[in-house]
N, C-alpha and C. Protein backbone atom coordinates (compact mmCIF):
# COMPACT_ATOMS: atom_id res chain seq x y z
N UNK A 1 -60.72 19.22 -52.24
CA UNK A 1 -59.89 17.83 -52.07
C UNK A 1 -59.45 17.60 -50.63
N UNK A 2 -58.51 18.47 -50.38
CA UNK A 2 -57.75 18.80 -49.16
C UNK A 2 -58.75 17.80 -47.87
N UNK A 3 -60.22 18.75 -47.97
CA UNK A 3 -60.99 18.95 -46.87
C UNK A 3 -61.38 16.96 -46.89
N UNK A 4 -61.96 16.59 -47.99
CA UNK A 4 -62.11 15.22 -48.04
C UNK A 4 -61.53 14.27 -47.98
N UNK A 5 -60.38 14.49 -48.01
CA UNK A 5 -59.20 13.76 -47.59
C UNK A 5 -58.82 13.48 -46.14
N UNK A 6 -59.01 14.95 -45.37
CA UNK A 6 -59.41 14.90 -43.71
C UNK A 6 -60.15 13.88 -43.33
N UNK A 7 -61.71 14.20 -43.94
CA UNK A 7 -62.85 13.50 -43.23
C UNK A 7 -62.42 12.11 -43.64
N UNK A 8 -62.21 11.67 -44.65
CA UNK A 8 -61.76 10.25 -45.06
C UNK A 8 -61.30 9.70 -43.97
N UNK A 9 -59.90 10.44 -43.95
CA UNK A 9 -58.58 9.96 -42.73
C UNK A 9 -59.22 9.83 -41.68
N UNK A 10 -60.33 10.89 -41.02
CA UNK A 10 -60.67 10.61 -39.01
C UNK A 10 -61.78 9.34 -39.11
N UNK A 11 -62.41 9.20 -40.71
CA UNK A 11 -63.49 8.14 -40.45
C UNK A 11 -62.51 7.07 -40.55
N UNK A 12 -61.78 6.53 -41.20
CA UNK A 12 -60.76 5.46 -41.14
C UNK A 12 -60.49 5.35 -39.84
N UNK A 13 -59.93 5.85 -38.99
CA UNK A 13 -59.31 6.08 -37.98
C UNK A 13 -60.47 5.51 -36.63
N UNK A 14 -61.94 6.26 -37.21
CA UNK A 14 -63.10 5.93 -36.18
C UNK A 14 -62.59 6.73 -34.78
N UNK A 15 -62.09 7.91 -35.14
CA UNK A 15 -62.32 8.79 -33.91
C UNK A 15 -62.55 9.95 -33.88
N UNK A 16 -63.12 10.85 -32.99
CA UNK A 16 -63.72 12.05 -33.07
C UNK A 16 -62.60 13.08 -33.73
N UNK A 17 -63.06 14.33 -34.52
CA UNK A 17 -62.03 15.32 -34.77
C UNK A 17 -61.16 16.39 -33.63
N UNK A 18 -60.16 16.35 -34.22
CA UNK A 18 -59.00 16.80 -33.52
C UNK A 18 -58.48 15.75 -32.52
N UNK A 19 -58.70 14.35 -32.56
CA UNK A 19 -58.23 13.75 -31.45
C UNK A 19 -57.57 12.59 -32.47
N UNK A 20 -57.19 12.76 -33.42
CA UNK A 20 -56.51 11.34 -34.35
C UNK A 20 -55.66 11.32 -33.83
N UNK A 21 -55.03 10.29 -33.99
CA UNK A 21 -53.50 9.07 -33.31
C UNK A 21 -52.66 9.44 -34.64
N UNK A 22 -51.09 9.55 -34.61
CA UNK A 22 -49.96 9.49 -35.11
C UNK A 22 -50.16 8.57 -35.80
N UNK A 23 -50.86 7.23 -35.55
CA UNK A 23 -50.58 5.80 -35.73
C UNK A 23 -51.02 5.83 -37.44
N UNK A 24 -51.60 6.73 -37.55
CA UNK A 24 -51.76 6.20 -39.41
C UNK A 24 -50.80 7.06 -39.73
N UNK A 25 -49.83 7.98 -39.58
CA UNK A 25 -48.52 7.96 -40.10
C UNK A 25 -47.38 7.72 -39.57
N UNK A 26 -47.72 6.26 -39.02
CA UNK A 26 -46.79 5.06 -38.67
C UNK A 26 -45.53 5.21 -37.32
N UNK A 27 -46.39 6.45 -36.61
CA UNK A 27 -45.77 6.32 -35.05
C UNK A 27 -46.74 6.31 -33.96
N UNK A 28 -46.39 7.01 -33.03
CA UNK A 28 -47.49 6.86 -31.67
C UNK A 28 -47.27 8.26 -31.06
N UNK A 29 -48.43 8.66 -30.70
CA UNK A 29 -48.77 9.88 -30.05
C UNK A 29 -49.87 9.50 -28.84
N UNK A 30 -49.79 10.29 -27.59
CA UNK A 30 -50.67 10.11 -26.73
C UNK A 30 -51.44 11.18 -26.94
N UNK A 31 -53.07 10.80 -26.10
CA UNK A 31 -53.61 11.96 -26.50
C UNK A 31 -53.27 13.32 -26.14
N UNK A 32 -52.61 13.54 -25.14
CA UNK A 32 -52.35 15.21 -25.32
C UNK A 32 -51.06 15.60 -26.31
N UNK A 33 -51.20 14.95 -27.23
CA UNK A 33 -50.41 15.65 -28.47
C UNK A 33 -51.48 15.83 -29.81
N UNK A 34 -52.31 16.20 -29.13
CA UNK A 34 -53.41 16.36 -30.19
C UNK A 34 -53.61 17.27 -31.07
N UNK A 35 -53.13 18.40 -30.53
CA UNK A 35 -52.71 19.47 -31.22
C UNK A 35 -51.35 19.61 -32.55
N UNK A 36 -50.63 18.68 -32.22
CA UNK A 36 -49.78 18.34 -33.10
C UNK A 36 -50.62 17.43 -34.55
N UNK A 37 -51.67 16.44 -33.91
CA UNK A 37 -52.31 16.16 -35.26
C UNK A 37 -52.90 16.99 -35.80
N UNK A 38 -53.52 18.03 -34.78
CA UNK A 38 -54.19 18.83 -36.05
C UNK A 38 -53.61 19.62 -36.50
N UNK A 39 -52.20 19.94 -36.11
CA UNK A 39 -51.52 21.19 -37.16
C UNK A 39 -51.37 19.92 -38.24
N UNK A 40 -50.64 18.72 -38.25
CA UNK A 40 -50.35 18.05 -39.34
C UNK A 40 -51.62 17.94 -40.46
N UNK A 41 -52.89 17.93 -39.70
CA UNK A 41 -54.14 18.06 -40.89
C UNK A 41 -54.54 19.34 -41.18
N UNK A 42 -53.68 20.27 -40.57
CA UNK A 42 -53.81 21.52 -40.99
C UNK A 42 -54.79 22.22 -40.62
N UNK A 43 -55.57 22.03 -39.56
CA UNK A 43 -56.42 22.76 -38.42
C UNK A 43 -56.01 23.79 -37.81
N UNK A 44 -54.77 23.98 -37.50
CA UNK A 44 -54.22 24.98 -36.83
C UNK A 44 -53.51 25.79 -37.50
N UNK A 45 -53.12 27.17 -38.13
CA UNK A 45 -52.14 27.51 -38.41
C UNK A 45 -50.72 27.70 -38.06
N UNK A 46 -50.37 27.38 -36.54
CA UNK A 46 -49.35 27.55 -35.64
C UNK A 46 -48.17 26.60 -36.56
N UNK A 47 -47.27 26.79 -36.41
CA UNK A 47 -46.07 26.42 -36.97
C UNK A 47 -45.72 25.14 -36.02
N UNK A 48 -45.17 23.73 -36.55
CA UNK A 48 -44.81 22.50 -35.56
C UNK A 48 -43.60 22.78 -34.85
N UNK A 49 -43.25 22.69 -33.96
CA UNK A 49 -42.28 22.59 -32.92
C UNK A 49 -41.39 21.48 -33.96
N UNK A 50 -40.17 22.19 -33.38
CA UNK A 50 -38.71 21.78 -33.63
C UNK A 50 -38.58 20.62 -33.21
N UNK A 51 -38.94 20.36 -32.19
CA UNK A 51 -38.63 18.76 -31.30
C UNK A 51 -39.81 19.07 -30.13
N UNK A 52 -40.11 17.58 -29.77
CA UNK A 52 -41.21 17.33 -29.03
C UNK A 52 -40.71 16.06 -28.02
N UNK A 53 -41.08 15.86 -26.93
CA UNK A 53 -40.99 14.40 -26.28
C UNK A 53 -42.23 13.88 -25.91
N UNK A 54 -42.02 12.72 -25.93
CA UNK A 54 -43.51 12.03 -25.31
C UNK A 54 -43.15 12.30 -23.91
N UNK A 55 -45.16 12.34 -24.00
CA UNK A 55 -45.26 12.75 -22.17
C UNK A 55 -45.08 11.74 -21.48
N UNK A 56 -44.86 10.40 -21.77
CA UNK A 56 -45.10 9.32 -21.03
C UNK A 56 -43.40 9.25 -20.47
N UNK A 57 -42.55 9.84 -21.50
CA UNK A 57 -41.17 10.05 -21.27
C UNK A 57 -40.96 11.15 -20.21
N UNK A 58 -41.57 11.86 -20.75
CA UNK A 58 -41.29 13.10 -19.73
C UNK A 58 -41.97 13.00 -18.50
N UNK A 59 -43.03 11.81 -17.96
CA UNK A 59 -43.43 11.60 -16.70
C UNK A 59 -42.15 10.61 -16.00
N UNK A 60 -41.88 9.52 -16.70
CA UNK A 60 -41.08 8.69 -16.34
C UNK A 60 -39.65 9.16 -15.75
N UNK A 61 -39.21 10.16 -16.44
CA UNK A 61 -37.67 11.17 -16.03
C UNK A 61 -37.96 11.76 -15.05
N UNK A 62 -39.43 11.99 -14.39
CA UNK A 62 -39.40 12.73 -13.23
C UNK A 62 -39.35 11.87 -12.11
N UNK A 63 -39.83 10.49 -12.45
CA UNK A 63 -40.30 9.73 -11.09
C UNK A 63 -38.55 9.11 -10.45
N UNK A 64 -38.90 8.65 -8.94
CA UNK A 64 -37.48 8.39 -8.27
C UNK A 64 -37.13 6.83 -8.58
N UNK A 65 -36.29 6.29 -8.46
CA UNK A 65 -36.07 4.96 -8.84
C UNK A 65 -36.96 4.59 -7.62
N UNK A 66 -37.33 2.95 -7.82
CA UNK A 66 -37.94 2.07 -6.89
C UNK A 66 -37.04 1.93 -5.90
N UNK A 67 -35.67 1.77 -6.00
CA UNK A 67 -34.98 1.62 -4.76
C UNK A 67 -33.82 2.17 -4.82
N UNK A 68 -33.19 2.91 -3.64
CA UNK A 68 -32.21 4.06 -3.68
C UNK A 68 -30.98 3.70 -4.11
N UNK A 69 -30.16 4.41 -4.85
CA UNK A 69 -28.57 4.14 -5.14
C UNK A 69 -27.73 3.71 -3.84
N UNK A 70 -26.87 2.72 -4.35
CA UNK A 70 -26.34 2.02 -3.00
C UNK A 70 -25.27 3.82 -2.46
N UNK A 71 -25.11 3.64 -1.10
CA UNK A 71 -23.79 4.45 -0.84
C UNK A 71 -22.65 3.96 -0.92
N UNK A 72 -21.62 4.84 -0.96
CA UNK A 72 -20.48 4.84 -0.98
C UNK A 72 -19.85 3.66 0.02
N UNK A 73 -19.04 2.82 0.06
CA UNK A 73 -18.77 1.97 1.12
C UNK A 73 -17.52 2.39 1.32
N UNK A 74 -17.28 1.93 2.90
CA UNK A 74 -15.88 2.61 3.60
C UNK A 74 -14.80 1.55 2.90
N UNK A 75 -13.48 2.33 3.03
CA UNK A 75 -12.39 1.57 2.46
C UNK A 75 -11.75 0.72 3.79
N UNK A 76 -11.77 -0.76 3.14
CA UNK A 76 -11.58 -1.87 4.60
C UNK A 76 -10.04 -1.13 4.92
N UNK A 77 -8.97 -1.19 4.31
CA UNK A 77 -7.52 -0.64 4.84
C UNK A 77 -7.54 0.68 5.41
N UNK A 78 -7.82 1.80 4.93
CA UNK A 78 -8.49 2.81 6.01
C UNK A 78 -8.98 2.72 7.17
N UNK A 79 -10.02 2.05 7.22
CA UNK A 79 -10.66 1.46 8.76
C UNK A 79 -9.51 -0.03 9.53
N UNK A 80 -8.81 -0.63 8.94
CA UNK A 80 -7.94 -1.45 9.49
C UNK A 80 -6.86 -0.36 10.26
N UNK A 81 -6.61 0.91 9.08
CA UNK A 81 -5.63 1.44 10.04
C UNK A 81 -6.14 2.83 11.33
N UNK A 82 -7.32 2.83 11.00
CA UNK A 82 -7.99 3.80 12.11
C UNK A 82 -7.68 2.85 13.50
N UNK A 83 -8.44 1.65 13.47
CA UNK A 83 -8.61 0.85 14.45
C UNK A 83 -7.72 0.45 14.71
N UNK A 84 -6.04 0.78 14.44
CA UNK A 84 -4.72 0.32 14.79
C UNK A 84 -4.53 1.61 15.59
N UNK A 85 -4.67 2.90 14.80
CA UNK A 85 -4.53 4.18 15.82
C UNK A 85 -5.23 4.32 16.97
N UNK A 86 -6.74 4.07 17.19
CA UNK A 86 -6.77 4.01 18.48
C UNK A 86 -7.01 3.03 19.41
N UNK A 87 -6.33 1.85 19.03
CA UNK A 87 -6.28 0.32 19.94
C UNK A 87 -6.84 -0.49 19.72
N UNK A 88 -8.04 -0.49 18.30
CA UNK A 88 -8.73 -1.55 18.52
C UNK A 88 -7.96 -2.97 18.14
N UNK A 89 -7.07 -2.82 17.20
CA UNK A 89 -6.31 -3.72 17.29
C UNK A 89 -5.77 -4.40 18.29
N UNK A 90 -5.87 -5.60 18.67
CA UNK A 90 -5.23 -6.28 19.90
C UNK A 90 -3.92 -7.15 19.86
N UNK A 91 -4.17 -7.42 18.48
CA UNK A 91 -2.99 -8.78 17.91
C UNK A 91 -2.27 -8.00 16.89
N UNK A 92 -0.69 -8.35 16.80
CA UNK A 92 -0.25 -7.97 15.90
C UNK A 92 0.37 -9.13 14.58
N UNK A 93 0.03 -9.17 13.57
CA UNK A 93 0.21 -10.47 12.55
C UNK A 93 1.36 -10.78 11.70
N UNK A 94 2.17 -12.09 12.20
CA UNK A 94 3.09 -12.30 11.45
C UNK A 94 2.68 -13.77 10.32
N UNK A 95 4.10 -13.77 9.75
CA UNK A 95 4.12 -15.17 8.81
C UNK A 95 5.79 -15.75 9.35
N UNK A 96 5.41 -17.12 9.06
CA UNK A 96 6.23 -17.93 9.48
C UNK A 96 6.58 -18.91 8.40
N UNK A 97 7.54 -18.55 7.50
CA UNK A 97 8.16 -19.38 6.08
C UNK A 97 8.99 -20.38 6.59
N UNK A 98 8.54 -21.68 6.41
CA UNK A 98 9.87 -22.62 5.88
C UNK A 98 9.57 -23.33 5.10
N UNK A 99 10.89 -23.39 4.52
CA UNK A 99 10.99 -24.31 3.35
C UNK A 99 12.13 -25.54 3.39
N UNK A 100 11.67 -26.41 3.16
CA UNK A 100 12.37 -27.32 3.82
C UNK A 100 12.65 -28.78 2.45
N UNK A 101 13.93 -28.24 1.70
CA UNK A 101 14.46 -29.12 0.35
C UNK A 101 14.69 -30.34 0.89
N UNK A 102 15.39 -31.08 0.10
CA UNK A 102 15.94 -32.28 0.22
C UNK A 102 17.53 -32.01 0.38
N UNK A 103 17.99 -30.46 0.29
CA UNK A 103 19.71 -30.16 -0.04
C UNK A 103 19.58 -29.15 1.22
N UNK A 104 18.50 -28.39 2.00
CA UNK A 104 19.21 -27.49 2.66
C UNK A 104 17.56 -26.85 3.69
N UNK A 105 17.48 -26.43 4.66
CA UNK A 105 16.03 -25.88 5.35
C UNK A 105 16.57 -24.23 5.66
N UNK A 106 15.30 -23.40 5.06
CA UNK A 106 15.59 -22.16 4.98
C UNK A 106 14.41 -21.83 5.55
N UNK A 107 14.51 -20.77 6.86
CA UNK A 107 13.14 -20.17 7.46
C UNK A 107 12.92 -18.78 7.72
N UNK A 108 12.13 -18.01 7.91
CA UNK A 108 12.08 -16.34 7.48
C UNK A 108 10.64 -16.07 8.55
N UNK A 109 10.91 -14.84 8.83
CA UNK A 109 10.09 -14.84 9.98
C UNK A 109 9.40 -13.03 9.13
N UNK A 110 8.47 -12.86 9.10
CA UNK A 110 7.93 -11.39 8.46
C UNK A 110 6.53 -10.98 9.55
N UNK A 111 6.45 -9.23 8.87
CA UNK A 111 5.74 -8.68 9.32
C UNK A 111 4.42 -8.64 8.34
N UNK A 112 3.25 -9.17 8.77
CA UNK A 112 1.93 -8.88 8.12
C UNK A 112 0.93 -8.20 8.19
N UNK A 113 0.38 -7.34 6.95
CA UNK A 113 0.73 -7.58 5.62
C UNK A 113 1.91 -6.74 5.06
N UNK A 114 2.59 -6.33 5.60
CA UNK A 114 3.64 -5.29 5.05
C UNK A 114 4.42 -6.16 4.35
N UNK A 115 5.04 -7.18 4.73
CA UNK A 115 6.01 -8.34 4.45
C UNK A 115 7.53 -8.10 4.84
N UNK A 116 7.53 -6.90 5.80
CA UNK A 116 8.92 -6.67 6.38
C UNK A 116 9.55 -7.97 6.98
N UNK A 117 10.45 -8.21 6.65
CA UNK A 117 11.49 -9.06 7.44
C UNK A 117 12.55 -8.93 8.81
N UNK A 118 11.44 -9.72 9.64
CA UNK A 118 11.95 -9.82 10.94
C UNK A 118 13.44 -10.75 11.18
N UNK A 119 13.39 -11.64 11.02
CA UNK A 119 14.58 -12.20 10.91
C UNK A 119 14.35 -13.81 9.73
N UNK A 120 15.58 -14.05 9.44
CA UNK A 120 15.51 -15.13 9.01
C UNK A 120 17.07 -16.12 9.29
N UNK A 121 16.77 -17.49 8.69
CA UNK A 121 17.96 -18.03 9.12
C UNK A 121 18.37 -19.57 8.04
N UNK A 122 18.96 -20.53 8.03
CA UNK A 122 19.22 -21.76 7.45
C UNK A 122 19.98 -22.25 7.74
N UNK A 123 20.45 -23.43 7.47
CA UNK A 123 21.33 -24.41 7.46
C UNK A 123 22.83 -23.67 7.26
N UNK A 124 22.92 -23.21 6.59
CA UNK A 124 24.19 -22.62 6.41
C UNK A 124 24.49 -21.37 7.72
N UNK A 125 23.55 -20.44 8.16
CA UNK A 125 23.77 -19.62 8.89
C UNK A 125 23.85 -20.31 10.00
N UNK A 126 23.51 -21.47 10.36
CA UNK A 126 23.65 -22.61 11.74
C UNK A 126 24.97 -23.18 11.64
N UNK A 127 25.68 -23.03 10.96
CA UNK A 127 27.22 -23.52 10.64
C UNK A 127 27.04 -25.09 10.28
N UNK A 128 26.24 -25.32 9.45
CA UNK A 128 26.19 -26.74 8.96
C UNK A 128 26.57 -26.72 7.16
N UNK A 129 27.53 -27.54 6.85
CA UNK A 129 28.33 -27.01 5.74
C UNK A 129 27.64 -28.52 4.64
N UNK A 130 27.96 -28.75 3.41
CA UNK A 130 27.82 -29.74 2.65
C UNK A 130 26.64 -30.44 2.67
N UNK A 131 26.44 -31.46 2.76
CA UNK A 131 25.33 -32.59 2.96
C UNK A 131 24.37 -32.37 4.36
N UNK A 132 25.57 -31.79 5.14
CA UNK A 132 24.80 -31.32 6.47
C UNK A 132 23.72 -30.46 6.75
N UNK A 133 23.67 -29.98 5.83
CA UNK A 133 22.67 -29.05 5.47
C UNK A 133 21.53 -29.13 5.66
N UNK A 134 21.20 -30.91 5.10
CA UNK A 134 19.90 -31.59 4.45
C UNK A 134 19.75 -32.16 5.64
N UNK A 135 20.18 -32.40 6.71
CA UNK A 135 19.66 -33.57 7.89
C UNK A 135 18.68 -32.94 8.74
N UNK A 136 18.32 -33.67 9.61
CA UNK A 136 17.53 -33.47 10.72
C UNK A 136 17.86 -32.42 12.01
N UNK A 137 19.01 -32.60 11.90
CA UNK A 137 19.63 -31.84 13.08
C UNK A 137 19.71 -30.27 12.66
N UNK A 138 20.53 -30.02 11.25
CA UNK A 138 20.23 -28.83 10.65
C UNK A 138 18.90 -28.07 10.76
N UNK A 139 17.94 -28.33 10.32
CA UNK A 139 16.35 -28.36 10.54
C UNK A 139 15.92 -27.86 11.71
N UNK A 140 16.49 -28.79 12.91
CA UNK A 140 16.03 -28.10 14.22
C UNK A 140 16.31 -26.68 15.05
N UNK A 141 17.93 -26.97 14.61
CA UNK A 141 18.53 -25.89 14.97
C UNK A 141 18.06 -24.37 14.00
N UNK A 142 17.59 -24.79 12.97
CA UNK A 142 16.82 -23.62 12.69
C UNK A 142 15.64 -22.96 13.12
N UNK A 143 14.83 -23.99 13.41
CA UNK A 143 13.78 -23.66 14.01
C UNK A 143 13.89 -23.03 15.52
N UNK A 144 15.21 -23.65 16.10
CA UNK A 144 15.13 -23.01 17.12
C UNK A 144 15.55 -21.54 17.15
N UNK A 145 16.58 -21.29 16.52
CA UNK A 145 16.84 -19.81 16.07
C UNK A 145 15.50 -18.90 15.79
N UNK A 146 14.45 -19.72 14.97
CA UNK A 146 13.19 -18.70 14.40
C UNK A 146 12.55 -18.72 15.89
N UNK A 147 12.54 -19.73 16.78
CA UNK A 147 11.76 -19.08 17.64
C UNK A 147 12.70 -18.01 19.05
N UNK A 148 13.69 -18.31 19.16
CA UNK A 148 14.34 -16.79 19.89
C UNK A 148 14.13 -15.54 18.77
N UNK A 149 13.46 -15.52 17.49
CA UNK A 149 13.41 -14.12 16.86
C UNK A 149 11.96 -13.96 17.30
N UNK A 150 11.30 -15.13 17.24
CA UNK A 150 9.31 -14.62 17.88
C UNK A 150 9.76 -14.39 19.32
N UNK A 151 10.40 -14.81 20.22
CA UNK A 151 10.37 -14.46 21.49
C UNK A 151 10.92 -12.99 21.75
N UNK A 152 11.81 -12.38 20.86
CA UNK A 152 12.33 -10.95 20.84
C UNK A 152 11.39 -10.02 20.23
N UNK A 153 10.61 -10.41 19.28
CA UNK A 153 9.65 -9.79 18.66
C UNK A 153 8.48 -9.42 19.72
N UNK A 154 8.24 -10.70 20.32
CA UNK A 154 7.55 -10.18 21.50
C UNK A 154 7.43 -9.60 22.52
N UNK A 155 8.62 -9.29 22.94
CA UNK A 155 8.81 -8.53 23.57
C UNK A 155 8.89 -7.31 23.32
N UNK A 156 9.33 -6.98 22.26
CA UNK A 156 9.08 -5.64 21.82
C UNK A 156 7.62 -5.05 21.56
N UNK A 157 6.83 -5.84 21.22
CA UNK A 157 5.67 -5.84 21.24
C UNK A 157 5.15 -5.06 22.75
N UNK A 158 5.32 -6.15 23.24
CA UNK A 158 4.81 -5.57 24.93
C UNK A 158 5.39 -4.26 25.18
N UNK A 159 6.45 -4.04 25.07
CA UNK A 159 6.77 -2.84 25.12
C UNK A 159 6.19 -1.39 24.34
N UNK A 160 5.27 -1.75 23.71
CA UNK A 160 4.66 -0.78 22.66
C UNK A 160 3.35 -0.84 23.10
N UNK A 161 3.12 -1.95 23.93
CA UNK A 161 1.48 -1.88 24.33
C UNK A 161 0.51 -2.78 23.50
N UNK A 162 1.55 -3.57 23.09
CA UNK A 162 -0.05 -4.58 22.28
C UNK A 162 0.13 -5.69 22.86
N UNK A 163 -0.70 -6.35 22.81
CA UNK A 163 -1.27 -7.59 23.51
C UNK A 163 -0.57 -8.56 23.38
N UNK A 164 -1.00 -8.87 21.80
CA UNK A 164 -0.59 -10.45 21.74
C UNK A 164 0.09 -10.25 20.00
N UNK A 165 0.34 -11.50 19.66
CA UNK A 165 0.89 -11.66 18.34
C UNK A 165 -0.20 -12.50 17.74
N UNK A 166 -0.19 -12.85 16.29
CA UNK A 166 -0.75 -13.69 15.70
C UNK A 166 0.26 -14.56 14.71
N UNK A 167 0.61 -15.91 14.38
CA UNK A 167 1.19 -16.28 13.64
C UNK A 167 0.60 -16.95 12.51
N UNK A 168 1.11 -16.93 11.08
CA UNK A 168 0.49 -17.77 10.39
C UNK A 168 1.80 -19.05 10.05
N UNK A 169 1.92 -19.89 9.71
CA UNK A 169 2.71 -20.75 9.87
C UNK A 169 2.73 -21.74 8.16
N UNK A 170 3.96 -21.20 7.45
CA UNK A 170 3.65 -21.79 6.07
C UNK A 170 4.68 -22.76 5.84
N UNK A 171 4.28 -23.79 5.20
CA UNK A 171 5.27 -25.06 5.09
C UNK A 171 5.66 -25.22 3.86
N UNK A 172 6.89 -25.36 2.92
CA UNK A 172 6.97 -25.60 1.67
C UNK A 172 7.56 -26.71 1.85
N UNK A 173 7.57 -28.08 0.79
CA UNK A 173 9.19 -29.01 0.79
C UNK A 173 8.45 -30.18 1.85
N UNK A 174 8.95 -30.77 1.33
CA UNK A 174 9.25 -32.56 1.85
C UNK A 174 10.67 -32.49 2.87
N UNK A 175 11.70 -31.97 3.05
CA UNK A 175 12.46 -31.79 3.26
C UNK A 175 12.58 -32.75 4.66
N UNK A 176 13.83 -32.89 5.34
CA UNK A 176 13.67 -33.32 6.70
C UNK A 176 13.97 -31.95 7.98
N UNK A 177 13.92 -30.81 7.38
CA UNK A 177 13.68 -29.63 7.80
C UNK A 177 11.63 -29.55 8.34
N UNK A 178 11.09 -30.21 7.58
CA UNK A 178 9.87 -29.83 7.70
C UNK A 178 9.36 -30.83 9.05
N UNK A 179 9.64 -31.84 9.32
CA UNK A 179 9.54 -32.80 10.39
C UNK A 179 10.75 -32.08 11.62
N UNK A 180 11.64 -31.56 11.19
CA UNK A 180 12.47 -31.04 12.57
C UNK A 180 11.10 -30.01 12.88
N UNK A 181 11.05 -29.10 12.06
CA UNK A 181 10.17 -28.16 12.51
C UNK A 181 8.62 -28.20 13.35
N UNK A 182 7.97 -29.44 12.81
CA UNK A 182 7.09 -29.82 13.90
C UNK A 182 7.46 -30.36 15.20
N UNK A 183 8.68 -31.27 14.91
CA UNK A 183 8.66 -31.58 16.17
C UNK A 183 9.31 -30.56 17.24
N UNK A 184 9.90 -29.64 16.73
CA UNK A 184 10.75 -28.29 17.29
C UNK A 184 9.37 -27.78 18.23
N UNK A 185 8.67 -27.24 17.41
CA UNK A 185 7.20 -26.95 18.03
C UNK A 185 6.77 -27.31 19.19
N UNK A 186 6.67 -28.63 19.64
CA UNK A 186 6.46 -29.65 20.48
C UNK A 186 7.36 -29.72 21.94
N UNK A 187 8.20 -28.98 21.69
CA UNK A 187 9.59 -29.06 22.70
C UNK A 187 9.03 -27.86 23.78
N UNK A 188 9.64 -27.78 25.21
CA UNK A 188 9.62 -26.55 25.95
C UNK A 188 10.28 -25.28 25.05
N UNK A 189 10.79 -25.32 23.96
CA UNK A 189 11.46 -24.01 23.52
C UNK A 189 10.77 -23.49 22.29
N UNK A 190 9.75 -24.49 21.93
CA UNK A 190 8.68 -23.69 21.24
C UNK A 190 7.63 -23.24 21.53
N UNK A 191 7.50 -23.42 22.92
CA UNK A 191 6.07 -23.32 23.58
C UNK A 191 5.65 -22.00 23.13
N UNK A 192 6.21 -20.84 23.10
CA UNK A 192 5.92 -19.39 22.89
C UNK A 192 5.27 -19.28 22.00
N UNK A 193 6.01 -19.99 20.37
CA UNK A 193 5.93 -19.95 19.13
C UNK A 193 4.44 -20.64 18.99
N UNK A 194 4.17 -21.94 19.55
CA UNK A 194 2.87 -22.69 19.44
C UNK A 194 1.86 -21.81 19.70
N UNK A 195 2.06 -20.92 20.94
CA UNK A 195 0.81 -20.85 21.69
C UNK A 195 0.02 -19.63 20.61
N UNK A 196 0.98 -19.14 19.45
CA UNK A 196 0.48 -17.84 19.06
C UNK A 196 0.30 -17.93 17.86
N UNK A 197 0.32 -19.40 16.96
CA UNK A 197 0.07 -19.49 16.15
C UNK A 197 -1.49 -19.91 15.72
N UNK A 198 -1.85 -19.29 14.79
CA UNK A 198 -3.48 -19.23 14.17
C UNK A 198 -3.73 -19.90 13.13
N UNK A 199 -2.48 -20.31 12.22
CA UNK A 199 -3.26 -20.79 10.81
C UNK A 199 -1.96 -21.52 10.52
N UNK A 200 -2.13 -22.71 9.56
CA UNK A 200 -1.38 -23.49 8.96
C UNK A 200 -1.45 -23.52 7.47
N UNK A 201 -0.69 -23.12 6.66
CA UNK A 201 -0.78 -23.45 5.14
C UNK A 201 0.19 -24.29 4.64
N UNK A 202 -0.02 -25.28 3.60
CA UNK A 202 0.79 -25.65 3.32
C UNK A 202 1.07 -25.71 1.43
N UNK A 203 2.25 -24.73 1.58
CA UNK A 203 2.37 -24.26 -0.02
C UNK A 203 3.37 -25.26 -1.08
N UNK A 204 3.36 -26.31 -0.48
CA UNK A 204 4.30 -27.31 -1.32
C UNK A 204 3.26 -27.58 -2.58
N UNK A 205 3.83 -27.24 -3.87
CA UNK A 205 3.58 -28.01 -5.09
C UNK A 205 3.13 -29.17 -5.59
N UNK A 206 1.73 -29.50 -6.10
CA UNK A 206 1.99 -30.96 -6.41
C UNK A 206 1.88 -30.81 -7.60
N UNK A 207 3.17 -32.24 -8.44
CA UNK A 207 3.13 -32.28 -9.95
C UNK A 207 2.09 -32.85 -10.17
N UNK A 208 0.86 -31.98 -11.48
CA UNK A 208 0.05 -33.25 -12.03
C UNK A 208 0.24 -33.06 -13.48
N UNK A 209 1.01 -34.15 -14.08
CA UNK A 209 1.33 -33.87 -15.44
C UNK A 209 2.53 -33.56 -15.58
N UNK A 210 2.63 -32.03 -16.28
CA UNK A 210 3.78 -31.72 -16.13
C UNK A 210 4.77 -32.09 -17.39
N UNK A 211 6.21 -31.61 -17.46
CA UNK A 211 6.69 -32.29 -18.05
C UNK A 211 7.50 -33.45 -17.79
N UNK A 212 8.15 -33.91 -18.59
CA UNK A 212 8.37 -35.64 -18.59
C UNK A 212 9.83 -35.08 -17.67
N UNK A 213 10.17 -36.73 -16.40
CA UNK A 213 11.04 -36.54 -15.52
C UNK A 213 12.38 -36.74 -16.08
N UNK A 214 13.26 -36.42 -15.20
CA UNK A 214 14.81 -36.52 -15.90
C UNK A 214 15.06 -38.23 -15.92
N UNK A 215 15.78 -38.33 -16.62
CA UNK A 215 16.37 -39.88 -16.91
C UNK A 215 17.11 -40.33 -15.60
N UNK A 216 16.29 -41.00 -15.27
CA UNK A 216 17.18 -41.85 -13.73
C UNK A 216 18.78 -42.13 -14.02
N UNK A 217 19.79 -41.60 -13.00
CA UNK A 217 21.32 -41.70 -13.34
C UNK A 217 21.38 -43.81 -13.07
N UNK A 218 22.23 -43.81 -13.56
CA UNK A 218 22.54 -45.20 -13.63
C UNK A 218 24.49 -45.03 -13.78
N UNK A 219 24.62 -46.13 -12.34
CA UNK A 219 26.28 -46.31 -11.97
C UNK A 219 26.45 -47.43 -12.53
């Protein structure tokens, strides 16, 4: 009875003896697994292995990838520090912030990218009081004081062996101090600062939509 079942199965698969495929049992087996098929049919008395792996999967696991794995890239922060130590960085970077509101003018000078404050000034520190802090003259005096701080910092850099400095100018607000700073840079007092400014950024926020404005005052 069992032998007739084997013969009928092989005849249905149309394959020679001991070369049947596991497709008859709902699976797939490559030709290299004929021994397992024979064990299923009962032609070999040896016990079936507990687990086996597809021959094609075994071959693919040994193959190398088509493209090599990416190498570890260098750290840009560490590269910048090393370049500074060996003297490859020829310019020190700074940031000059100008805040010009309708009531006051404030300016600050920072080292970049650490953000360490070198100097700062406002209309109040320049002896302007009350409504005079929003005047054009107050903004001009604050700008001149910042120019003096830049000149002192350039002298310190020269002593340390740095060749030059680069300043990024940030503007915020539409007060009179904004125009005062622009015109002060064009004067002989602002020549040293003007020569080292490499970038200008306007940080003034522009209101688009937003909340309803305050009711206008009526007298």
